[in-house]
Amino acid sequence: FPNGVAARFGPDSIPTDGKLQIVFFIGFLELFVMKDVTGENDFVGDFRNGLLDFGWDNFDEETKLSKRAIELNNGRAAMMGIL
């Protein structure tokens, strides 16, 4: 398996149809799935739309703020790990 730039542009890279499929799938998610259609969002990035609730509404405001901060820090650590 090629890595780095060769995975995208080399002779053994991902086929063009595969790259287009990824782009169109992400576009589909952005346009039709990942949006607040009900207006019930509690915070920016809350795309539950009244369907998924794994106990989030049972937490008090301090716990919610703490969990959002932890998730944000985990995302930042993941971005640093990619670098």
PDB file of N, CA and C in Angstrom:
ATOM      1  N   PHE A   1       0.835  -1.184   0.000  1.00  0.00           N
ATOM      2  CA  PHE A   1       0.000   0.000   0.000  1.00  0.00           C
ATOM      3  C   PHE A   1       0.879   1.246   0.000  1.00  0.00           C
ATOM      4  N   PRO A   2       0.620   2.161  -0.887  1.00  0.00           N
ATOM      5  CA  PRO A   2       1.403   3.396  -0.898  1.00  0.00           C
ATOM      6  C   PRO A   2       0.979   4.303   0.255  1.00  0.00           C
ATOM      7  N   ASN A   3       1.884   5.166   0.641  1.00  0.00           N
ATOM      8  CA  ASN A   3       1.542   6.110   1.701  1.00  0.00           C
ATOM      9  C   ASN A   3       1.932   7.524   1.271  1.00  0.00           C
ATOM     10  N   GLY A   4       1.472   8.496   2.018  1.00  0.00           N
ATOM     11  CA  GLY A   4       1.803   9.880   1.719  1.00  0.00           C
ATOM     12  C   GLY A   4       1.189  10.354   0.409  1.00  0.00           C
ATOM     13  N   VAL A   5       1.966  11.121  -0.326  1.00  0.00           N
ATOM     14  CA  VAL A   5       1.493  11.691  -1.589  1.00  0.00           C
ATOM     15  C   VAL A   5       1.252  10.593  -2.628  1.00  0.00           C
ATOM     16  N   ALA A   6       2.022   9.520  -2.557  1.00  0.00           N
ATOM     17  CA  ALA A   6       1.868   8.428  -3.525  1.00  0.00           C
ATOM     18  C   ALA A   6       0.500   7.756  -3.413  1.00  0.00           C
ATOM     19  N   ALA A   7      -0.119   7.819  -2.239  1.00  0.00           N
ATOM     20  CA  ALA A   7      -1.445   7.225  -2.070  1.00  0.00           C
ATOM     21  C   ALA A   7      -2.507   8.005  -2.832  1.00  0.00           C
ATOM     22  N   ARG A   8      -2.231   9.268  -3.102  1.00  0.00           N
ATOM     23  CA  ARG A   8      -3.209  10.092  -3.822  1.00  0.00           C
ATOM     24  C   ARG A   8      -2.881  10.261  -5.289  1.00  0.00           C
ATOM     25  N   PHE A   9      -1.596  10.324  -5.635  1.00  0.00           N
ATOM     26  CA  PHE A   9      -1.222  10.668  -6.999  1.00  0.00           C
ATOM     27  C   PHE A   9      -0.294   9.667  -7.672  1.00  0.00           C
ATOM     28  N   GLY A  10       0.161   8.653  -6.972  1.00  0.00           N
ATOM     29  CA  GLY A  10       1.117   7.706  -7.544  1.00  0.00           C
ATOM     30  C   GLY A  10       0.462   6.696  -8.459  1.00  0.00           C
ATOM     31  N   PRO A  11       1.264   5.769  -8.991  1.00  0.00           N
ATOM     32  CA  PRO A  11       0.727   4.769  -9.919  1.00  0.00           C
ATOM     33  C   PRO A  11      -0.234   3.790  -9.237  1.00  0.00           C
ATOM     34  N   ASP A  12      -0.070   3.550  -7.944  1.00  0.00           N
ATOM     35  CA  ASP A  12      -0.961   2.647  -7.206  1.00  0.00           C
ATOM     36  C   ASP A  12      -1.924   3.430  -6.320  1.00  0.00           C
ATOM     37  N   SER A  13      -2.273   4.642  -6.731  1.00  0.00           N
ATOM     38  CA  SER A  13      -3.119   5.498  -5.899  1.00  0.00           C
ATOM     39  C   SER A  13      -4.582   5.069  -5.955  1.00  0.00           C
ATOM     40  N   ILE A  14      -5.399   5.740  -5.154  1.00  0.00           N
ATOM     41  CA  ILE A  14      -6.835   5.491  -5.158  1.00  0.00           C
ATOM     42  C   ILE A  14      -7.384   5.845  -6.540  1.00  0.00           C
ATOM     43  N   PRO A  15      -8.196   4.991  -7.149  1.00  0.00           N
ATOM     44  CA  PRO A  15      -8.757   5.300  -8.472  1.00  0.00           C
ATOM     45  C   PRO A  15      -9.606   6.575  -8.430  1.00  0.00           C
ATOM     46  N   THR A  16      -9.717   7.236  -9.550  1.00  0.00           N
ATOM     47  CA  THR A  16     -10.478   8.485  -9.649  1.00  0.00           C
ATOM     48  C   THR A  16     -11.925   8.282  -9.230  1.00  0.00           C
ATOM     49  N   ASP A  17     -12.520   7.161  -9.626  1.00  0.00           N
ATOM     50  CA  ASP A  17     -13.908   6.887  -9.228  1.00  0.00           C
ATOM     51  C   ASP A  17     -14.035   6.785  -7.706  1.00  0.00           C
ATOM     52  N   GLY A  18     -13.045   6.221  -7.059  1.00  0.00           N
ATOM     53  CA  GLY A  18     -13.053   6.119  -5.603  1.00  0.00           C
ATOM     54  C   GLY A  18     -12.966   7.480  -4.941  1.00  0.00           C
ATOM     55  N   LYS A  19     -12.100   8.344  -5.484  1.00  0.00           N
ATOM     56  CA  LYS A  19     -11.973   9.704  -4.950  1.00  0.00           C
ATOM     57  C   LYS A  19     -13.274  10.475  -5.129  1.00  0.00           C
ATOM     58  N   LEU A  20     -13.906  10.326  -6.297  1.00  0.00           N
ATOM     59  CA  LEU A  20     -15.181  11.005  -6.539  1.00  0.00           C
ATOM     60  C   LEU A  20     -16.273  10.482  -5.604  1.00  0.00           C
ATOM     61  N   GLN A  21     -16.268   9.188  -5.347  1.00  0.00           N
ATOM     62  CA  GLN A  21     -17.257   8.605  -4.449  1.00  0.00           C
ATOM     63  C   GLN A  21     -17.109   9.197  -3.044  1.00  0.00           C
ATOM     64  N   ILE A  22     -15.880   9.358  -2.578  1.00  0.00           N
ATOM     65  CA  ILE A  22     -15.644   9.958  -1.267  1.00  0.00           C
ATOM     66  C   ILE A  22     -16.148  11.400  -1.240  1.00  0.00           C
ATOM     67  N   VAL A  23     -15.841  12.174  -2.276  1.00  0.00           N
ATOM     68  CA  VAL A  23     -16.256  13.578  -2.337  1.00  0.00           C
ATOM     69  C   VAL A  23     -17.779  13.691  -2.362  1.00  0.00           C
ATOM     70  N   PHE A  24     -18.438  12.885  -3.177  1.00  0.00           N
ATOM     71  CA  PHE A  24     -19.897  12.950  -3.258  1.00  0.00           C
ATOM     72  C   PHE A  24     -20.566  12.483  -1.970  1.00  0.00           C
ATOM     73  N   PHE A  25     -19.988  11.489  -1.298  1.00  0.00           N
ATOM     74  CA  PHE A  25     -20.548  11.027  -0.033  1.00  0.00           C
ATOM     75  C   PHE A  25     -20.452  12.121   1.030  1.00  0.00           C
ATOM     76  N   ILE A  26     -19.310  12.787   1.103  1.00  0.00           N
ATOM     77  CA  ILE A  26     -19.144  13.886   2.059  1.00  0.00           C
ATOM     78  C   ILE A  26     -20.099  15.025   1.711  1.00  0.00           C
ATOM     79  N   GLY A  27     -20.248  15.328   0.434  1.00  0.00           N
ATOM     80  CA  GLY A  27     -21.197  16.355   0.013  1.00  0.00           C
ATOM     81  C   GLY A  27     -22.622  16.004   0.394  1.00  0.00           C
ATOM     82  N   PHE A  28     -23.001  14.734   0.220  1.00  0.00           N
ATOM     83  CA  PHE A  28     -24.335  14.281   0.612  1.00  0.00           C
ATOM     84  C   PHE A  28     -24.552  14.465   2.107  1.00  0.00           C
ATOM     85  N   LEU A  29     -23.564  14.076   2.908  1.00  0.00           N
ATOM     86  CA  LEU A  29     -23.695  14.240   4.354  1.00  0.00           C
ATOM     87  C   LEU A  29     -23.841  15.704   4.731  1.00  0.00           C
ATOM     88  N   GLU A  30     -23.039  16.565   4.124  1.00  0.00           N
ATOM     89  CA  GLU A  30     -23.096  17.998   4.445  1.00  0.00           C
ATOM     90  C   GLU A  30     -24.433  18.614   4.059  1.00  0.00           C
ATOM     91  N   LEU A  31     -24.984  18.230   2.913  1.00  0.00           N
ATOM     92  CA  LEU A  31     -26.197  18.866   2.419  1.00  0.00           C
ATOM     93  C   LEU A  31     -27.483  18.307   3.015  1.00  0.00           C
ATOM     94  N   PHE A  32     -27.511  17.002   3.322  1.00  0.00           N
ATOM     95  CA  PHE A  32     -28.772  16.379   3.700  1.00  0.00           C
ATOM     96  C   PHE A  32     -28.819  15.786   5.096  1.00  0.00           C
ATOM     97  N   VAL A  33     -27.694  15.416   5.665  1.00  0.00           N
ATOM     98  CA  VAL A  33     -27.726  14.716   6.947  1.00  0.00           C
ATOM     99  C   VAL A  33     -27.284  15.610   8.101  1.00  0.00           C
ATOM    100  N   MET A  34     -26.145  16.248   7.976  1.00  0.00           N
ATOM    101  CA  MET A  34     -25.544  16.996   9.078  1.00  0.00           C
ATOM    102  C   MET A  34     -26.056  18.428   9.142  1.00  0.00           C
ATOM    103  N   LYS A  35     -27.350  18.582   9.394  1.00  0.00           N
ATOM    104  CA  LYS A  35     -27.907  19.915   9.578  1.00  0.00           C
ATOM    105  C   LYS A  35     -29.034  19.835  10.594  1.00  0.00           C
ATOM    106  N   ASP A  36     -29.307  20.961  11.216  1.00  0.00           N
ATOM    107  CA  ASP A  36     -30.342  21.007  12.241  1.00  0.00           C
ATOM    108  C   ASP A  36     -31.683  21.263  11.570  1.00  0.00           C
ATOM    109  N   VAL A  37     -32.461  20.217  11.377  1.00  0.00           N
ATOM    110  CA  VAL A  37     -33.728  20.354  10.668  1.00  0.00           C
ATOM    111  C   VAL A  37     -34.905  20.644  11.596  1.00  0.00           C
ATOM    112  N   THR A  38     -34.745  20.372  12.894  1.00  0.00           N
ATOM    113  CA  THR A  38     -35.858  20.556  13.817  1.00  0.00           C
ATOM    114  C   THR A  38     -35.756  21.836  14.624  1.00  0.00           C
ATOM    115  N   GLY A  39     -34.571  22.450  14.676  1.00  0.00           N
ATOM    116  CA  GLY A  39     -34.383  23.654  15.478  1.00  0.00           C
ATOM    117  C   GLY A  39     -34.249  23.368  16.957  1.00  0.00           C
ATOM    118  N   GLU A  40     -33.996  22.125  17.329  1.00  0.00           N
ATOM    119  CA  GLU A  40     -33.884  21.732  18.737  1.00  0.00           C
ATOM    120  C   GLU A  40     -32.451  21.666  19.227  1.00  0.00           C
ATOM    121  N   ASN A  41     -31.511  22.211  18.481  1.00  0.00           N
ATOM    122  CA  ASN A  41     -30.108  22.051  18.875  1.00  0.00           C
ATOM    123  C   ASN A  41     -29.829  22.809  20.174  1.00  0.00           C
ATOM    124  N   ASP A  42     -29.026  22.169  21.038  1.00  0.00           N
ATOM    125  CA  ASP A  42     -28.647  22.770  22.313  1.00  0.00           C
ATOM    126  C   ASP A  42     -27.383  23.611  22.181  1.00  0.00           C
ATOM    127  N   PHE A  43     -26.564  23.307  21.185  1.00  0.00           N
ATOM    128  CA  PHE A  43     -25.291  23.999  20.998  1.00  0.00           C
ATOM    129  C   PHE A  43     -24.862  23.809  19.557  1.00  0.00           C
ATOM    130  N   VAL A  44     -23.878  24.574  19.140  1.00  0.00           N
ATOM    131  CA  VAL A  44     -23.369  24.467  17.775  1.00  0.00           C
ATOM    132  C   VAL A  44     -22.793  23.070  17.566  1.00  0.00           C
ATOM    133  N   GLY A  45     -23.204  22.417  16.498  1.00  0.00           N
ATOM    134  CA  GLY A  45     -22.725  21.067  16.206  1.00  0.00           C
ATOM    135  C   GLY A  45     -23.624  19.974  16.757  1.00  0.00           C
ATOM    136  N   ASP A  46     -24.746  20.322  17.354  1.00  0.00           N
ATOM    137  CA  ASP A  46     -25.689  19.337  17.876  1.00  0.00           C
ATOM    138  C   ASP A  46     -26.648  18.941  16.754  1.00  0.00           C
ATOM    139  N   PHE A  47     -26.389  17.783  16.133  1.00  0.00           N
ATOM    140  CA  PHE A  47     -27.185  17.325  14.999  1.00  0.00           C
ATOM    141  C   PHE A  47     -28.055  16.126  15.370  1.00  0.00           C
ATOM    142  N   ARG A  48     -28.478  16.025  16.612  1.00  0.00           N
ATOM    143  CA  ARG A  48     -29.294  14.878  17.028  1.00  0.00           C
ATOM    144  C   ARG A  48     -30.681  14.941  16.421  1.00  0.00           C
ATOM    145  N   ASN A  49     -31.207  16.131  16.196  1.00  0.00           N
ATOM    146  CA  ASN A  49     -32.529  16.328  15.592  1.00  0.00           C
ATOM    147  C   ASN A  49     -33.634  15.569  16.319  1.00  0.00           C
ATOM    148  N   GLY A  50     -33.503  15.446  17.630  1.00  0.00           N
ATOM    149  CA  GLY A  50     -34.541  14.790  18.422  1.00  0.00           C
ATOM    150  C   GLY A  50     -34.528  13.278  18.328  1.00  0.00           C
ATOM    151  N   LEU A  51     -33.567  12.680  17.640  1.00  0.00           N
ATOM    152  CA  LEU A  51     -33.562  11.227  17.452  1.00  0.00           C
ATOM    153  C   LEU A  51     -32.639  10.507  18.423  1.00  0.00           C
ATOM    154  N   LEU A  52     -31.404  10.925  18.517  1.00  0.00           N
ATOM    155  CA  LEU A  52     -30.423  10.232  19.349  1.00  0.00           C
ATOM    156  C   LEU A  52     -30.304  10.943  20.684  1.00  0.00           C
ATOM    157  N   ASP A  53     -30.456  10.196  21.763  1.00  0.00           N
ATOM    158  CA  ASP A  53     -30.229  10.765  23.079  1.00  0.00           C
ATOM    159  C   ASP A  53     -29.665   9.665  23.958  1.00  0.00           C
ATOM    160  N   PHE A  54     -28.383   9.739  24.189  1.00  0.00           N
ATOM    161  CA  PHE A  54     -27.715   8.742  25.021  1.00  0.00           C
ATOM    162  C   PHE A  54     -27.566   9.263  26.443  1.00  0.00           C
ATOM    163  N   GLY A  55     -28.585   9.961  26.954  1.00  0.00           N
ATOM    164  CA  GLY A  55     -28.547  10.474  28.303  1.00  0.00           C
ATOM    165  C   GLY A  55     -28.042  11.894  28.412  1.00  0.00           C
ATOM    166  N   TRP A  56     -27.792  12.549  27.289  1.00  0.00           N
ATOM    167  CA  TRP A  56     -27.234  13.900  27.318  1.00  0.00           C
ATOM    168  C   TRP A  56     -28.168  14.859  28.056  1.00  0.00           C
ATOM    169  N   ASP A  57     -29.455  14.734  27.863  1.00  0.00           N
ATOM    170  CA  ASP A  57     -30.401  15.657  28.484  1.00  0.00           C
ATOM    171  C   ASP A  57     -30.524  15.453  29.989  1.00  0.00           C
ATOM    172  N   ASN A  58     -29.994  14.358  30.511  1.00  0.00           N
ATOM    173  CA  ASN A  58     -30.060  14.096  31.943  1.00  0.00           C
ATOM    174  C   ASN A  58     -28.935  14.753  32.721  1.00  0.00           C
ATOM    175  N   PHE A  59     -27.894  15.251  32.030  1.00  0.00           N
ATOM    176  CA  PHE A  59     -26.763  15.875  32.706  1.00  0.00           C
ATOM    177  C   PHE A  59     -27.107  17.303  33.105  1.00  0.00           C
ATOM    178  N   ASP A  60     -26.499  17.783  34.197  1.00  0.00           N
ATOM    179  CA  ASP A  60     -26.667  19.183  34.553  1.00  0.00           C
ATOM    180  C   ASP A  60     -25.754  20.035  33.667  1.00  0.00           C
ATOM    181  N   GLU A  61     -25.936  21.336  33.694  1.00  0.00           N
ATOM    182  CA  GLU A  61     -25.220  22.233  32.781  1.00  0.00           C
ATOM    183  C   GLU A  61     -23.715  22.180  32.985  1.00  0.00           C
ATOM    184  N   GLU A  62     -23.267  22.041  34.223  1.00  0.00           N
ATOM    185  CA  GLU A  62     -21.829  21.985  34.500  1.00  0.00           C
ATOM    186  C   GLU A  62     -21.207  20.730  33.885  1.00  0.00           C
ATOM    187  N   THR A  63     -21.887  19.599  33.996  1.00  0.00           N
ATOM    188  CA  THR A  63     -21.392  18.346  33.420  1.00  0.00           C
ATOM    189  C   THR A  63     -21.379  18.427  31.899  1.00  0.00           C
ATOM    190  N   LYS A  64     -22.419  19.011  31.306  1.00  0.00           N
ATOM    191  CA  LYS A  64     -22.455  19.172  29.849  1.00  0.00           C
ATOM    192  C   LYS A  64     -21.281  20.019  29.374  1.00  0.00           C
ATOM    193  N   LEU A  65     -21.023  21.127  30.063  1.00  0.00           N
ATOM    194  CA  LEU A  65     -19.912  21.996  29.689  1.00  0.00           C
ATOM    195  C   LEU A  65     -18.579  21.267  29.810  1.00  0.00           C
ATOM    196  N   SER A  66     -18.426  20.489  30.875  1.00  0.00           N
ATOM    197  CA  SER A  66     -17.195  19.721  31.073  1.00  0.00           C
ATOM    198  C   SER A  66     -17.010  18.683  29.960  1.00  0.00           C
ATOM    199  N   LYS A  67     -18.084  17.971  29.619  1.00  0.00           N
ATOM    200  CA  LYS A  67     -17.985  16.938  28.581  1.00  0.00           C
ATOM    201  C   LYS A  67     -17.696  17.543  27.208  1.00  0.00           C
ATOM    202  N   ARG A  68     -18.276  18.701  26.918  1.00  0.00           N
ATOM    203  CA  ARG A  68     -17.976  19.367  25.647  1.00  0.00           C
ATOM    204  C   ARG A  68     -16.521  19.808  25.593  1.00  0.00           C
ATOM    205  N   ALA A  69     -15.992  20.303  26.721  1.00  0.00           N
ATOM    206  CA  ALA A  69     -14.588  20.717  26.779  1.00  0.00           C
ATOM    207  C   ALA A  69     -13.662  19.518  26.593  1.00  0.00           C
ATOM    208  N   ILE A  70     -14.005  18.402  27.205  1.00  0.00           N
ATOM    209  CA  ILE A  70     -13.199  17.180  27.046  1.00  0.00           C
ATOM    210  C   ILE A  70     -13.202  16.732  25.589  1.00  0.00           C
ATOM    211  N   GLU A  71     -14.367  16.740  24.956  1.00  0.00           N
ATOM    212  CA  GLU A  71     -14.473  16.328  23.552  1.00  0.00           C
ATOM    213  C   GLU A  71     -13.689  17.266  22.642  1.00  0.00           C
ATOM    214  N   LEU A  72     -13.745  18.559  22.923  1.00  0.00           N
ATOM    215  CA  LEU A  72     -13.000  19.534  22.135  1.00  0.00           C
ATOM    216  C   LEU A  72     -11.500  19.303  22.279  1.00  0.00           C
ATOM    217  N   ASN A  73     -11.038  19.045  23.498  1.00  0.00           N
ATOM    218  CA  ASN A  73      -9.616  18.780  23.725  1.00  0.00           C
ATOM    219  C   ASN A  73      -9.178  17.482  23.058  1.00  0.00           C
ATOM    220  N   ASN A  74     -10.041  16.457  23.067  1.00  0.00           N
ATOM    221  CA  ASN A  74      -9.702  15.209  22.381  1.00  0.00           C
ATOM    222  C   ASN A  74      -9.570  15.449  20.877  1.00  0.00           C
ATOM    223  N   GLY A  75     -10.443  16.267  20.314  1.00  0.00           N
ATOM    224  CA  GLY A  75     -10.334  16.593  18.895  1.00  0.00           C
ATOM    225  C   GLY A  75      -9.050  17.337  18.582  1.00  0.00           C
ATOM    226  N   ARG A  76      -8.675  18.265  19.457  1.00  0.00           N
ATOM    227  CA  ARG A  76      -7.421  19.003  19.253  1.00  0.00           C
ATOM    228  C   ARG A  76      -6.226  18.051  19.346  1.00  0.00           C
ATOM    229  N   ALA A  77      -6.253  17.124  20.304  1.00  0.00           N
ATOM    230  CA  ALA A  77      -5.160  16.164  20.426  1.00  0.00           C
ATOM    231  C   ALA A  77      -5.064  15.269  19.193  1.00  0.00           C
ATOM    232  N   ALA A  78      -6.217  14.891  18.635  1.00  0.00           N
ATOM    233  CA  ALA A  78      -6.221  14.075  17.413  1.00  0.00           C
ATOM    234  C   ALA A  78      -5.628  14.849  16.239  1.00  0.00           C
ATOM    235  N   MET A  79      -5.964  16.140  16.138  1.00  0.00           N
ATOM    236  CA  MET A  79      -5.395  16.949  15.060  1.00  0.00           C
ATOM    237  C   MET A  79      -3.884  17.081  15.206  1.00  0.00           C
ATOM    238  N   MET A  80      -3.401  17.209  16.428  1.00  0.00           N
ATOM    239  CA  MET A  80      -1.958  17.284  16.654  1.00  0.00           C
ATOM    240  C   MET A  80      -1.302  15.946  16.326  1.00  0.00           C
ATOM    241  N   GLY A  81      -2.013  14.855  16.620  1.00  0.00           N
ATOM    242  CA  GLY A  81      -1.470  13.532  16.314  1.00  0.00           C
ATOM    243  C   GLY A  81      -1.307  13.314  14.821  1.00  0.00           C
ATOM    244  N   ILE A  82      -2.187  13.915  14.034  1.00  0.00           N
ATOM    245  CA  ILE A  82      -2.080  13.788  12.579  1.00  0.00           C
ATOM    246  C   ILE A  82      -0.841  14.496  12.073  1.00  0.00           C
ATOM    247  N   LEU A  83      -0.509  15.624  12.686  1.00  0.00           N
ATOM    248  CA  LEU A  83       0.676  16.361  12.259  1.00  0.00           C
ATOM    249  C   LEU A  83       1.926  15.580  12.569  1.00  0.00           C
TER     250      LEU A  83
END
